[in-house]
Protein backbone atom coordinates (compact mmCIF):
# COMPACT_ATOMS: atom_id res chain seq x y z
CA MET A 1 51.63 45.54 -68.02
CA SER A 2 49.73 44.67 -64.84
CA ALA A 3 49.93 41.17 -63.41
CA THR A 4 47.05 38.91 -64.39
CA LEU A 5 45.79 35.45 -63.57
CA PRO A 6 45.16 32.65 -66.08
CA PRO A 7 41.53 32.14 -67.16
CA VAL A 8 39.27 30.06 -64.96
CA ALA A 9 39.24 26.56 -66.47
CA HIS A 10 35.91 25.12 -67.57
CA PRO A 11 35.55 21.76 -69.38
CA ARG A 12 32.79 23.04 -71.69
CA GLN A 13 33.68 26.72 -71.97
CA THR A 14 33.26 27.00 -75.75
CA ALA A 15 29.96 25.09 -75.83
CA THR A 16 28.56 27.00 -72.86
CA GLY A 17 29.75 30.37 -74.11
CA LEU A 18 28.29 29.80 -77.57
CA ALA A 19 25.00 28.54 -76.09
CA LEU A 20 24.64 31.63 -73.88
CA ALA A 21 25.58 33.88 -76.79
CA SER A 22 23.00 32.16 -79.00
CA VAL A 23 20.25 32.72 -76.43
CA ILE A 24 21.13 36.42 -76.08
CA ILE A 25 21.37 36.97 -79.85
CA ALA A 26 18.13 35.06 -80.52
CA GLY A 27 16.29 37.00 -77.81
CA TRP A 28 17.57 40.31 -79.15
CA LEU A 29 16.61 39.45 -82.74
CA THR A 30 13.12 38.35 -81.66
CA ILE A 31 12.35 41.69 -80.00
CA HIS A 32 14.17 43.69 -82.68
CA ILE A 33 12.34 42.14 -85.63
CA GLY A 34 9.00 41.75 -83.88
CA GLY A 35 9.07 45.26 -82.42
CA ILE A 36 10.22 47.10 -85.53
CA PHE A 37 8.21 45.27 -88.18
CA PHE A 38 5.19 43.72 -86.48
CA TRP A 39 4.28 45.78 -83.38
CA PRO A 40 1.79 48.64 -83.87
CA LEU A 41 2.62 51.28 -81.27
CA SER A 42 -0.33 52.39 -79.13
CA LEU A 43 -0.97 53.80 -75.68
CA GLY A 44 -2.91 50.67 -74.80
CA THR A 45 0.21 48.53 -75.05
CA ALA A 46 2.57 51.11 -73.51
CA PRO A 47 3.37 49.04 -70.37
CA LEU A 48 4.19 45.99 -72.49
CA ILE A 49 6.28 48.12 -74.85
CA ALA A 50 8.19 49.58 -71.90
CA ALA A 51 8.88 46.08 -70.57
CA ALA A 52 10.09 44.93 -74.00
CA VAL A 53 12.38 47.96 -74.28
CA LEU A 54 13.93 47.27 -70.88
CA VAL A 55 14.52 43.61 -71.75
CA GLN A 56 15.98 44.66 -75.10
CA ALA A 57 18.30 47.14 -73.36
CA TRP A 58 19.62 44.33 -71.16
CA LEU A 59 20.03 42.03 -74.16
CA SER A 60 21.83 44.87 -76.00
CA THR A 61 24.23 45.09 -73.08
CA GLY A 62 24.66 41.35 -73.49
CA LEU A 63 25.55 41.75 -77.16
CA PHE A 64 28.32 44.15 -76.21
CA ILE A 65 29.58 41.79 -73.50
CA ILE A 66 29.67 38.88 -75.97
CA ALA A 67 31.75 41.04 -78.32
CA HIS A 68 33.95 42.01 -75.38
CA ASP A 69 34.62 38.35 -74.57
CA ALA A 70 35.40 37.80 -78.25
CA MET A 71 38.03 40.56 -78.06
CA HIS A 72 39.71 38.65 -75.23
CA GLY A 73 39.39 35.32 -77.03
CA SER A 74 37.30 33.89 -74.18
CA LEU A 75 34.05 33.37 -76.07
CA ALA A 76 35.34 30.34 -77.97
CA PRO A 77 38.93 29.61 -76.89
CA ARG A 78 41.20 28.16 -79.58
CA HIS A 79 38.80 29.42 -82.26
CA PRO A 80 40.00 32.98 -83.02
CA ALA A 81 38.15 33.30 -86.33
CA LEU A 82 34.87 32.35 -84.66
CA ASN A 83 35.54 34.76 -81.78
CA HIS A 84 36.08 37.67 -84.13
CA ALA A 85 33.16 36.78 -86.41
CA LEU A 86 30.72 36.69 -83.49
CA GLY A 87 32.24 39.86 -82.04
CA ARG A 88 31.64 41.70 -85.31
CA LEU A 89 28.11 40.33 -85.54
CA CYS A 90 27.16 41.37 -82.01
CA LEU A 91 28.54 44.90 -82.29
CA GLY A 92 26.86 45.29 -85.68
CA LEU A 93 23.50 44.19 -84.29
CA TYR A 94 23.86 46.32 -81.18
CA ALA A 95 24.50 49.63 -82.93
CA ALA A 96 26.55 49.15 -86.12
CA LEU A 97 29.75 49.57 -84.10
CA SER A 98 33.16 48.68 -85.54
CA TYR A 99 34.79 45.63 -83.95
CA GLY A 100 38.06 46.44 -85.68
CA GLN A 101 38.12 49.88 -84.08
CA LEU A 102 36.97 48.89 -80.59
CA ARG A 103 39.19 45.84 -80.14
CA PRO A 104 42.54 47.72 -80.00
CA GLN A 105 40.85 50.51 -78.06
CA HIS A 106 39.80 48.02 -75.41
CA GLY A 107 43.33 46.63 -75.30
CA GLU A 108 44.60 50.10 -74.44
CA HIS A 109 42.03 50.29 -71.65
CA HIS A 110 43.47 47.18 -70.04
CA LYS A 111 47.06 48.35 -70.44
CA HIS A 112 46.43 51.83 -69.01
CA ALA A 113 43.25 51.55 -66.92
CA GLY A 114 42.42 54.71 -65.01
CA THR A 115 45.18 56.86 -66.55
CA VAL A 116 45.37 59.54 -69.23
CA ALA A 117 46.25 56.82 -71.78
CA ASP A 118 43.01 54.92 -71.09
CA PRO A 119 40.49 55.68 -73.89
CA ASP A 120 37.58 54.79 -71.57
CA PHE A 121 38.72 57.13 -68.79
CA HIS A 122 38.24 60.88 -68.30
CA ALA A 123 41.42 62.12 -66.64
CA ASP A 124 40.05 65.67 -66.25
CA ALA A 125 36.95 64.44 -64.42
CA PRO A 126 37.94 61.13 -62.77
CA HIS A 127 35.03 61.23 -60.31
CA LYS A 128 32.31 63.09 -62.26
CA ALA A 129 29.82 60.94 -64.15
CA GLY A 130 28.43 63.66 -66.45
CA PRO A 131 31.57 64.82 -68.28
CA TRP A 132 32.94 61.29 -68.27
CA PHE A 133 29.79 59.95 -69.94
CA VAL A 134 30.00 62.59 -72.69
CA ARG A 135 33.58 61.54 -73.41
CA PHE A 136 32.63 57.85 -73.25
CA PHE A 137 29.72 58.39 -75.65
CA SER A 138 31.83 60.28 -78.17
CA GLY A 139 34.45 57.53 -78.08
CA TYR A 140 31.99 54.82 -79.11
CA TYR A 141 29.52 56.63 -81.36
CA THR A 142 31.60 57.84 -84.29
CA HIS A 143 30.62 59.44 -87.61
CA GLY A 144 31.17 56.14 -89.39
CA GLN A 145 28.85 54.35 -86.98
CA ILE A 146 26.16 57.00 -87.44
CA VAL A 147 26.40 56.64 -91.23
CA ARG A 148 26.12 52.84 -91.00
CA ILE A 149 23.13 52.86 -88.67
CA THR A 150 21.41 55.53 -90.78
CA LEU A 151 21.81 53.40 -93.90
CA VAL A 152 20.31 50.39 -92.11
CA ALA A 153 17.39 52.52 -90.90
CA LEU A 154 16.76 53.77 -94.44
CA VAL A 155 16.65 50.18 -95.72
CA TYR A 156 14.26 49.27 -92.90
CA ILE A 157 11.94 52.16 -93.80
CA PHE A 158 12.03 52.37 -97.59
CA VAL A 159 12.71 48.74 -98.52
CA LEU A 160 11.18 46.72 -95.68
CA GLY A 161 8.37 49.09 -94.71
CA ALA A 162 9.27 49.79 -91.07
CA ARG A 163 8.09 52.92 -89.28
CA LEU A 164 10.67 55.36 -87.92
CA GLU A 165 9.05 55.47 -84.48
CA ASN A 166 9.34 51.69 -84.16
CA ILE A 167 13.03 51.86 -85.05
CA VAL A 168 13.53 54.54 -82.39
CA VAL A 169 11.59 52.67 -79.71
CA PHE A 170 12.92 49.16 -80.30
CA TRP A 171 16.49 49.87 -81.47
CA ALA A 172 17.71 53.38 -80.66
CA VAL A 173 16.27 53.61 -77.14
CA PRO A 174 17.49 50.15 -76.00
CA ALA A 175 20.93 50.85 -77.47
CA LEU A 176 21.21 54.13 -75.57
CA LEU A 177 19.94 52.56 -72.34
CA ALA A 178 22.51 49.78 -72.78
CA LEU A 179 25.22 52.38 -73.30
CA GLY A 180 24.19 53.92 -69.98
CA GLN A 181 24.39 50.52 -68.28
CA LEU A 182 27.79 49.79 -69.79
CA PHE A 183 29.11 53.19 -68.79
CA PHE A 184 27.73 53.48 -65.26
CA PHE A 185 28.08 49.89 -64.02
CA GLY A 186 30.89 48.67 -66.27
CA THR A 187 33.15 51.73 -66.47
CA PHE A 188 32.37 54.64 -64.15
CA LEU A 189 31.73 52.83 -60.87
CA PRO A 190 34.64 50.37 -61.30
CA HIS A 191 37.22 52.95 -62.47
CA ARG A 192 36.27 56.26 -60.85
CA HIS A 193 38.92 57.71 -58.58
CA ALA A 194 37.99 57.79 -54.90
CA GLU A 195 39.62 58.65 -51.60
CA ASP A 196 40.45 55.06 -50.68
CA GLY A 197 42.32 54.43 -53.94
CA PHE A 198 42.44 51.03 -55.59
CA ALA A 199 43.50 47.61 -54.37
CA ASP A 200 46.24 47.20 -56.99
CA GLU A 201 47.76 48.43 -60.23
CA HIS A 202 44.70 47.47 -62.27
CA ARG A 203 42.90 50.59 -60.99
CA ALA A 204 39.59 48.74 -60.95
CA ARG A 205 37.13 47.87 -58.23
CA SER A 206 34.14 45.56 -58.03
CA THR A 207 30.87 47.11 -56.92
CA LYS A 208 29.03 45.64 -53.95
CA LEU A 209 26.24 43.87 -55.78
CA SER A 210 24.68 40.46 -55.31
CA ARG A 211 25.28 37.97 -58.12
CA GLY A 212 21.75 38.51 -59.40
CA ALA A 213 22.08 42.30 -59.40
CA SER A 214 25.53 42.02 -60.99
CA LEU A 215 24.05 39.92 -63.81
CA LEU A 216 21.09 42.24 -64.36
CA THR A 217 23.08 45.46 -64.35
CA CYS A 218 25.99 44.59 -66.63
CA PHE A 219 26.50 40.83 -67.02
CA HIS A 220 28.89 40.78 -64.02
CA PHE A 221 31.07 43.63 -65.31
CA GLY A 222 30.05 45.78 -62.37
CA GLY A 223 29.93 43.35 -59.50
CA PHE A 224 33.08 41.53 -60.66
CA HIS A 225 35.02 44.18 -62.59
CA HIS A 226 38.20 43.88 -60.56
CA GLU A 227 38.06 40.15 -61.19
CA HIS A 228 37.82 40.81 -64.92
CA HIS A 229 41.00 42.91 -64.87
CA LEU A 230 42.73 40.26 -62.78
CA SER A 231 41.72 37.53 -65.25
CA PRO A 232 40.73 39.12 -68.59
CA GLY A 233 40.69 35.74 -70.31
CA THR A 234 37.78 34.56 -68.14
CA PRO A 235 34.35 34.98 -69.82
CA TRP A 236 31.60 37.01 -68.15
CA TRP A 237 29.67 34.01 -66.86
CA LEU A 238 32.71 32.61 -65.01
CA LEU A 239 33.83 35.85 -63.34
CA PRO A 240 32.31 34.85 -59.96
CA ARG A 241 34.70 31.86 -59.98
CA VAL A 242 37.65 34.26 -60.03
CA ARG A 243 36.51 35.70 -56.72
CA GLU A 244 36.05 32.20 -55.32
CA ARG A 245 39.77 31.66 -55.88
CA ASP A 246 40.39 34.89 -53.92
CA PRO A 247 43.03 36.15 -56.39
CA ARG A 248 43.35 39.51 -54.68
CA ARG A 249 45.12 37.84 -51.79
CA GLU A 250 47.43 36.08 -54.24
CA ILE A 251 48.76 38.93 -56.37
CA SER A 252 47.50 42.30 -55.15
CA PRO A 253 49.34 44.62 -52.77
CA PRO A 254 47.47 45.94 -49.72
CA ALA A 255 44.84 48.54 -50.56
CA ARG A 256 46.19 52.06 -50.58
CA ARG A 257 44.62 54.80 -48.53
CA GLY A 258 44.29 58.38 -49.59
CA PRO A 259 44.15 59.66 -53.19
CA SER A 260 44.35 57.24 -56.08
CA GLY A 261 47.73 58.47 -57.22
CA PRO A 262 48.81 60.27 -60.39
CA LEU A 263 46.68 60.00 -63.51
CA GLY A 264 49.59 59.61 -65.90
């Protein structure tokens, strides 16, 4: 197991984390319900629809990040039942994903990041986004998830009167765009193998993004991904504080040059 740092201390972590989660969930539900059930699609409102879809994609990424913090117990520390309940809720809203399946899978990612044992890594294409994305997609979108989301869509259409095109535009498209964000900024860029290797045994790097860009792209899981692996118990909104402590100087060996090393 790689060396890690304790979580960044915050006097109101639970209250702040739950408040941020509530804003993200409420925003997502507002667009989801309003878009699917009350928004007539037309060319005249296409620019506004596109803007709503982009915001919903970002909020969908946020739902996944909330669930991710719940997996690490950092959403509401000392309240494991609440962590898991909110994690299940957020993954269910996002795309009917299984929290029980993804939680141990994510644990394996942290134990074996960037190796053949990492379920989020493509050992046969460690620097190619296309094949890696296909593997990433197949790992998250399972037959069970497709059945669950299909059943929800059928209820929306035949019980609640929604139109299929609204479901596609305001749920399916944002979910897929969010998957792309999570993959490219939160997985591929931080964990791809490159000539200069990695700074330490976590096999993760932080991308060179401003704090604003880091927030907009993947809720800091691109711009501060190395920091997340150094301190997995720190929630997304406190990851910049990990860098302020300069933990890499504390526990990481000097950066290696040359290939990243063996995949196994």
